[in-house]
């Protein structure tokens, strides 16, 4: 469906720190796509401009995506030559990385091409046309395995710009699958990094009520098993309605 669809007056998204909801005032319903992997929704909101939602969760907005992008890239160095972004199909993290370091070679790995297409069409994203940015539509674990096997390059940094639920929610053992997925992804990322290479990730809401998984606590434990120095920051993202946690590890 496209902009001809009925306007959505409000969207309701969860606030993990309180267990309550945030109401988005919406001017226009732009597009809704079921990609087969996830449900993608784009709207033009009154307070945050155009916004991307995946499976009912806010991913980014025109007004404040730069807060998220700068935070997840805070340990990116101008001397870095090669980084990989896992997820990131909206293109904003890659766009910010290129602004910070125009000579940086950036690989973006996203499983869902519809996210990329939607953001190019409706958000005007053009970063994937940049010769310094290479987009791969494939599984992150597969891409990293091939990269290591070929021993083609060692990465300066890896950014986990993944959705809050990279494992399908219909999985009966969702929490166990989440842990297993990240254990493997962190382990293989460690192998793909240069000595003193870094990893950064968005780790979900800074605080959660009992009905939600404490993602940041889980990911912090997993990172500390592989990385010698792990740090955490928390910043308010207005379009998320709460503080979001970010984790950083150094090899």
Foldseek 3Di string as FASTA:
>chain_A
DAQVDDADQWAWAADFQPRHIDIFGFDTWGDWDDQVQWIWTWTQTDPFGIWIDTNRATQDGPRFVVVVLCVLCVPPDLPFAEEEEEACLLVPNVVVSCVVHVNHQYEYEAQGVVNNVCNCVPVVDDSCVDPSYDYDRDDPLVVLVVCLVVVPAAGQEYEYSDDQQPDDPVPPPRVVVVLVVLLSNLVSNLSRHDAFHKYKYWQFAPHGPPVDDNRVVSNQVSQVVRAVDKDKDWDDRVVNVHITMMMMGTD
